[in-house]
Each structure stands twice: as C-alpha cells, then as structure tokens.
Protein backbone atom coordinates (compact mmCIF):
# COMPACT_ATOMS: atom_id res chain seq x y z
CA ASP A 1 52.29 103.23 71.63
CA GLY A 2 52.51 106.49 73.63
CA ARG A 3 55.46 107.65 71.56
CA GLY A 4 53.51 107.34 68.32
CA ILE A 5 55.62 104.52 66.88
CA SER A 6 53.67 102.17 64.65
CA LEU A 7 53.70 98.38 65.07
CA ASN A 8 55.62 97.97 61.82
CA GLU A 9 58.24 100.48 62.91
CA ARG A 10 58.59 98.76 66.28
CA MET A 11 59.07 95.38 64.59
CA GLU A 12 61.64 96.84 62.22
CA ARG A 13 63.55 98.42 65.09
CA THR A 14 63.38 95.12 66.99
CA ARG A 15 64.82 93.21 64.05
CA ARG A 16 67.50 95.83 63.58
CA GLY A 17 68.40 95.81 67.27
CA LEU A 18 68.64 92.00 67.38
CA ALA A 19 70.73 92.00 64.21
CA GLN A 20 73.13 94.49 65.79
CA VAL A 21 73.81 92.08 68.65
CA GLY A 22 73.91 88.97 66.45
CA LEU A 23 70.52 87.49 67.43
CA ALA A 24 68.43 88.08 64.30
CA ASP A 25 67.89 84.32 63.83
CA LEU A 26 66.40 83.98 67.34
CA ILE A 27 63.72 86.67 67.09
CA ASP A 28 60.91 84.13 67.76
CA ARG A 29 62.60 82.37 70.69
CA PRO A 30 61.29 83.24 74.19
CA VAL A 31 63.89 84.96 76.36
CA PRO A 32 63.84 82.26 79.12
CA TYR A 33 65.11 79.77 76.51
CA LEU A 34 68.18 81.84 75.71
CA SER A 35 71.61 81.40 77.28
CA GLY A 36 72.95 83.92 79.80
CA GLY A 37 75.05 85.65 77.18
CA GLN A 38 72.15 85.77 74.72
CA GLN A 39 69.88 87.28 77.39
CA GLN A 40 72.44 90.00 77.98
CA ARG A 41 72.47 90.72 74.26
CA VAL A 42 68.66 90.94 74.23
CA ALA A 43 68.80 93.53 77.03
CA LEU A 44 71.33 95.49 74.98
CA ALA A 45 69.14 95.23 71.86
CA ARG A 46 66.18 96.62 73.83
CA ALA A 47 68.26 99.65 74.77
CA LEU A 48 69.40 100.15 71.17
CA ILE A 49 65.87 100.10 69.76
CA ASP A 50 65.31 103.74 70.79
CA GLU A 51 68.51 104.73 68.97
CA PRO A 52 70.01 106.58 71.96
CA GLU A 53 72.86 109.08 71.67
CA VAL A 54 74.28 107.86 75.01
CA LEU A 55 73.89 104.37 76.44
CA LEU A 56 74.29 103.77 80.20
CA LEU A 57 75.41 100.26 81.12
CA ASP A 58 75.37 99.54 84.86
CA GLU A 59 77.51 96.43 85.52
CA PRO A 60 75.85 94.51 82.63
CA LEU A 61 78.20 91.52 82.83
CA SER A 62 78.30 90.99 86.60
CA ASN A 63 76.11 87.85 86.54
CA LEU A 64 78.10 86.03 83.85
CA ASP A 65 80.87 83.52 84.39
CA ALA A 66 84.47 84.57 83.69
CA HIS A 67 84.71 83.06 80.19
CA LEU A 68 81.40 84.52 79.01
CA ARG A 69 82.21 87.87 80.60
CA GLU A 70 85.46 88.08 78.63
CA GLN A 71 83.63 87.15 75.40
CA MET A 72 80.93 89.75 76.00
CA ARG A 73 83.57 92.43 76.69
CA ARG A 74 85.00 91.90 73.21
CA GLU A 75 81.54 91.95 71.66
CA LEU A 76 80.57 95.16 73.46
CA LYS A 77 83.75 96.89 72.34
CA SER A 78 83.20 95.76 68.75
CA LEU A 79 79.57 96.90 68.86
CA GLN A 80 80.48 100.32 70.22
CA LYS A 81 83.02 100.90 67.46
CA ARG A 82 80.55 99.72 64.81
CA LEU A 83 77.64 101.88 66.02
CA GLY A 84 79.63 104.87 67.22
CA VAL A 85 77.30 105.36 70.20
CA THR A 86 78.73 106.81 73.40
CA MET A 87 78.62 104.25 76.21
CA VAL A 88 78.88 105.16 79.89
CA TYR A 89 79.91 101.90 81.52
CA VAL A 90 79.73 101.43 85.30
CA THR A 91 81.78 98.58 86.76
CA HIS A 92 83.70 97.50 89.87
CA ASP A 93 85.85 95.18 87.74
CA GLN A 94 89.14 96.98 87.13
CA GLU A 95 90.16 94.70 84.26
CA GLU A 96 86.81 95.32 82.59
CA ALA A 97 87.22 99.08 82.87
CA LEU A 98 90.72 99.00 81.41
CA ALA A 99 89.77 96.66 78.55
CA LEU A 100 86.63 98.49 77.42
CA SER A 101 87.23 102.18 77.95
CA ASP A 102 88.69 105.05 75.99
CA ILE A 103 88.46 107.19 79.15
CA VAL A 104 88.28 105.84 82.71
CA ALA A 105 86.95 107.80 85.67
CA VAL A 106 88.01 106.33 89.02
CA MET A 107 85.43 107.19 91.69
CA ARG A 108 85.52 107.07 95.48
CA ASP A 109 82.58 107.94 97.74
CA GLY A 110 80.68 109.37 94.79
CA ARG A 111 83.48 111.67 93.65
CA ILE A 112 85.89 111.37 90.73
CA VAL A 113 89.39 110.81 92.07
CA GLU A 114 91.18 110.73 88.73
CA MET A 115 90.26 110.50 85.06
CA GLY A 116 92.27 109.64 81.96
CA ALA A 117 93.21 107.05 79.37
CA PRO A 118 93.36 103.48 80.77
CA ARG A 119 97.10 103.03 80.18
CA ASP A 120 97.92 106.41 81.74
CA LEU A 121 95.91 105.66 84.88
CA TYR A 122 97.40 102.18 85.19
CA ASP A 123 101.05 102.98 84.45
CA GLN A 124 101.26 106.57 85.73
CA PRO A 125 98.57 107.10 88.40
CA GLN A 126 98.64 110.53 90.01
CA GLN A 127 96.63 109.51 93.08
CA ARG A 128 97.46 106.72 95.53
CA PHE A 129 93.86 105.45 95.51
CA THR A 130 94.06 104.99 91.73
CA ALA A 131 97.39 103.19 92.01
CA GLU A 132 96.01 100.74 94.56
CA PHE A 133 92.58 100.29 92.97
CA LEU A 134 93.61 99.65 89.37
CA GLY A 135 95.46 96.36 89.67
CA LEU A 136 98.29 94.85 91.70
CA ALA A 137 100.67 97.34 93.26
CA ASN A 138 103.68 97.46 95.54
CA PHE A 139 103.85 100.16 98.23
CA ILE A 140 107.12 100.29 100.15
CA PRO A 141 107.61 102.70 103.08
CA GLY A 142 110.53 104.99 102.40
CA SER A 143 111.89 108.48 102.66
CA VAL A 144 112.80 111.01 99.99
CA GLU A 145 116.49 111.87 100.32
CA ARG A 146 116.75 114.51 97.65
CA ALA A 147 115.69 115.49 94.17
CA ASP A 148 117.39 113.99 91.14
CA GLN A 149 117.32 115.03 87.50
CA ARG A 150 115.24 111.90 86.87
CA GLY A 151 112.90 112.36 89.85
CA VAL A 152 113.49 111.95 93.58
CA ILE A 153 115.78 109.53 95.42
CA VAL A 154 113.85 107.26 97.77
CA GLU A 155 115.60 105.29 100.52
CA SER A 156 113.78 102.07 101.45
CA VAL A 157 114.49 98.82 103.27
CA PHE A 158 115.13 97.15 99.89
CA GLY A 159 117.49 99.82 98.57
CA ARG A 160 117.56 103.25 96.97
CA PHE A 161 115.32 104.00 93.99
CA VAL A 162 114.58 106.90 91.69
CA ALA A 163 110.86 107.68 91.45
CA GLN A 164 108.49 110.29 90.07
CA PRO A 165 107.13 112.54 92.85
CA ARG A 166 103.37 112.80 93.24
CA GLY A 167 102.86 116.24 94.65
CA ASP A 168 105.27 117.93 97.05
CA VAL A 169 106.89 114.80 98.47
CA THR A 170 109.56 115.44 101.07
CA GLY A 171 110.54 113.12 103.89
CA PRO A 172 108.33 110.05 104.55
CA CYS A 173 106.79 108.55 101.43
CA GLU A 174 105.55 105.34 99.84
CA LEU A 175 107.41 103.97 96.84
CA PHE A 176 104.97 102.55 94.28
CA PHE A 177 105.52 100.28 91.28
CA ARG A 178 103.57 97.54 89.52
CA PRO A 179 104.74 93.90 89.84
CA HIS A 180 105.43 93.63 86.11
CA ALA A 181 107.54 96.83 86.09
CA ALA A 182 110.43 95.33 88.05
CA ARG A 183 113.19 93.25 86.45
CA LEU A 184 114.46 90.33 88.48
CA ASN A 185 118.15 89.54 89.07
CA ALA A 186 119.21 92.90 87.73
CA GLU A 187 122.69 92.70 86.24
CA VAL A 188 123.80 96.24 86.98
CA SER A 189 126.89 97.64 88.61
CA GLU A 190 125.23 100.61 90.33
CA THR A 191 123.07 100.25 93.42
CA LEU A 192 120.68 103.14 92.73
CA GLY A 193 117.39 101.77 91.39
CA VAL A 194 118.19 98.25 92.58
CA GLY A 195 116.67 96.35 95.51
CA GLU A 196 117.57 93.11 97.24
CA GLY A 197 115.72 90.53 99.32
CA LYS A 198 114.97 86.87 99.88
CA VAL A 199 112.35 84.93 97.92
CA THR A 200 109.72 83.74 100.40
CA GLU A 201 106.94 82.50 98.11
CA LEU A 202 106.13 81.68 94.48
CA SER A 203 102.68 81.80 92.91
CA PHE A 204 102.50 79.98 89.56
CA LEU A 205 99.98 81.62 87.20
CA GLY A 206 100.62 79.69 83.98
CA GLU A 207 102.69 81.83 81.64
CA THR A 208 103.90 83.96 84.55
CA THR A 209 104.89 83.49 88.17
CA ASP A 210 104.52 85.97 91.02
CA VAL A 211 107.69 86.13 93.10
CA PHE A 212 107.37 87.45 96.66
CA ILE A 213 110.56 89.02 97.96
CA ALA A 214 110.98 90.02 101.60
CA ASN A 215 113.39 92.15 103.55
CA GLY A 216 112.54 92.20 107.23
CA GLU A 217 108.79 92.69 107.69
CA HIS A 218 108.27 94.20 104.24
CA ALA A 219 107.63 92.31 101.00
CA VAL A 220 107.18 93.09 97.31
CA ARG A 221 105.57 91.12 94.51
CA ILE A 222 107.33 90.84 91.14
CA ARG A 223 105.75 89.16 88.11
CA VAL A 224 108.14 87.30 85.80
CA PRO A 225 107.90 84.73 82.99
CA ALA A 226 107.41 81.33 84.61
CA ALA A 227 110.69 80.02 83.20
CA GLN A 228 112.62 82.81 84.96
CA ALA A 229 111.26 82.18 88.46
CA PRO A 230 113.96 81.75 91.13
CA ALA A 231 113.83 79.26 93.99
CA VAL A 232 112.26 79.92 97.37
CA GLY A 233 114.99 80.95 99.81
CA GLU A 234 117.18 82.49 97.12
CA THR A 235 118.51 86.01 97.59
CA VAL A 236 117.75 88.06 94.49
CA ARG A 237 118.15 91.58 93.17
CA PHE A 238 115.56 93.53 91.21
CA SER A 239 115.56 96.88 89.44
CA VAL A 240 112.82 99.40 88.73
CA ASP A 241 113.10 102.05 86.04
CA PRO A 242 112.51 105.63 87.32
CA ALA A 243 109.67 106.09 84.82
CA ASP A 244 107.82 103.12 86.34
CA ALA A 245 108.09 104.19 90.00
CA ALA A 246 106.24 106.89 91.90
CA ALA A 247 106.61 108.42 95.35
CA PHE A 248 103.40 109.23 97.23
CA VAL A 249 103.21 111.27 100.43
CA ARG A 250 102.97 109.02 103.49
C-alpha cells in the first residue's frame, strides 16, 4: 500500500493484532457475524496493527450492554499492561474512568479542572466539580466556625463536623463527604464530627443499602451493609472522619 508495507507483512500484523485481542481463531470470519464485544476487539486490533506509541480510545464501550462493558474494561486493562502502550481513554462514564486509569483528567467545557490518580480524585477532590462529577456525593450547606488542628469546624443543620478546607474557606461553605465515608449509629460520646436526623427512605442495592437521612429540608445519603440498615422513621446518628470530609466555598 501507500506506506510500502507488503501483503505478507500486512497479514502478519493482522494475525498478530487479532492474537493480541484474543481473536486469532476468527481471522476468516466476516465482521458482521461477530458479537458486539468481538467487533470492539476487531476495532482495537485494527488500531494496534500500526504499532502506535499512543492509542486514543474515544468512548469505545459506549454501545455495549453493562455486563459486556465491564468484561471489556478488564480486557482493555489487561491488554494495556501486557503491551505497555500508552492509552488516552475518553469517557463520560465515571466508573469506567476510575477502573481503567492510572491518571484521570476531569474536564469541563474543554478545560482540565483537576488531574490525578483515581483514588485521590475520588476520595480527596480539590475542586467541587470533581467531587460532584466522580460518583455519589453529599453537599450540606454550612458555615466555617473556626480552624482546628485537624481542619476547620463546620456548623450544619445535622451537627458540627471537622473538614479539610478547599481554598480559603471562611463563613458560608458546603460540607462534602461520600456516602460510604459516613458510619451509621456512631457510638461516640462527643458531638463534634457527629450528625443526627431521621431516616426517610431506604434503597436496597443488594450487598449494600442507601439510607437517606433528613433534618428539615436537607438530606444526606449514607451507604451501609444491607444487614445494618435501620428502619424508616428511625432517628439515627452518623459520624464522618475529618480526613473524609471537605469544606468548599459556597
């Protein structure tokens, strides 16, 4: 062809590319007769034939069902580690980004908002947009009372919490924490770091249950093992560790 690659070389690269994605035995099968997952692998093999240094994948799994998407995520991660090729992976699926990436860049309106390791961005986001975008999050209106050796003291309708300040936070703020970061029915003697409210709703998710706790017009979501779920209407207490809470400027 125009790149001066012989037919034999092209066939060898084709075989090698199909072998890399586990389709060597189907080299003679027409693409329309392949499953959705196999067709995605063929597209990946085509990209690998040219032996690129960087591979751009633009939402490659968006047309697959949930089960196949999860399977292909594992296969892509395994392939990347085996080949050692740099992959730039574009996705709107937050779970996909966290599961596949070594480094995640969160973008908004064409600009990078924040970049870092998946766990750092999920557990310790520095920007409110990142906190809200990357998974479930609680945001409670509050006000910073004062600084503390562990962070800042935030007064909210649920109680007083210690949180990590994001920027120069004084006065009105939003207290942020993930649903899984709170412990339900906290057995503690102190009130700092502990909230209280009434259970208004339960959402059973299998191994876990989401517990919705309200105080006035505000509510938080806490994720607990299903066996530990309280009853609707019960008044409960919950605690949040200072390392798991952040205060954003409101």
